[in-house]
């Protein structure tokens, strides 16, 4: 018989678990923007650093009803912290339903390249094998599976025209019905959410710099991420997610895609400019390759970063604290 414990009398209550800040992160990953590569990294990092990686088996439901939003937010908010939740889902406003707004992160890529990657992935999968895409598109007819990309674009098939091409912006605009309509309203709302709710939106074409900044901003999640990413074994695994049988459309077809994706490109170049400003603040150089062709409706060129700023007086850590307070 041990009797009543006197531990609390002698030592007081056990110390509370000290959580890193932020302890709630959401990666509402955009399809075909490198997210499978990042999720592979997150699985390794969650074991290494002991955070709760919360994933979803739902890959094809990005738009939710009000009740579905409430249910998902409730489930995410009750997850053990620190957590990182990831799913293909349009931006969710936690505060609208009385929850604490988490820190959001995301990655996007050149819209035409994203569209082409998705087009061929749905048809032919990746290097993990034929079965991968058959599971995703089991009912696709053979004539549709082997539809020439130029025919799809030039003959205005639904898959290659709006609103199907209006894809990236809704991930940042949110769940409002107008977020699905190509136009200025959804574009401006997406930009506002990037500024107010996202800690970082990176560019897939500069993935190593994205990982460097994630390690700087969220070390308790992403410490050592770049060394893991560069590990030959991981690179070999990552190469299996590369889409196969991709072909390049004709210049005429690409120009038509540019015109149809006008708002997507305006958003992409806005995010790219913000990302380059962030890189400059933290002293990262941009390695600029051959510029991609740009639609005529974009007059100002995005800010390209050659050298880090030397005269920046604002303290970097203070800047990060300000972001966390948003």
Foldseek 3Di string as FASTA:
>chain_A
DPPDDCCCVVPNDDDDDDADPPWEEEELEFPQQCVVLVVVLLVVLCVVLVFAEAEDPDAPDAADDPVVLLVVLVVSQPDDISYYYYYNYADHDSVVNPGDAGAYEYEDEDLVVSLLQVLLCCQQNFLVDRVVNCVVCVPDDPCSSPPDPQCCQVVVPVCNFPPVSLGPLRSQLDNPPCCSPPDDVSLVSSVVSCVQRYPAYYYSVPVLVVLVVCCVLPVSRRPCSNVVCPPPVSVVVSNRRGRPPGDDHDPVSVLSSQVRCVSVVVSVLVNVLVNLVVCLAVWHADDDDDDDDHHPVDDDHRDHGGTHDDPDDDDPVVVSVVSSVD
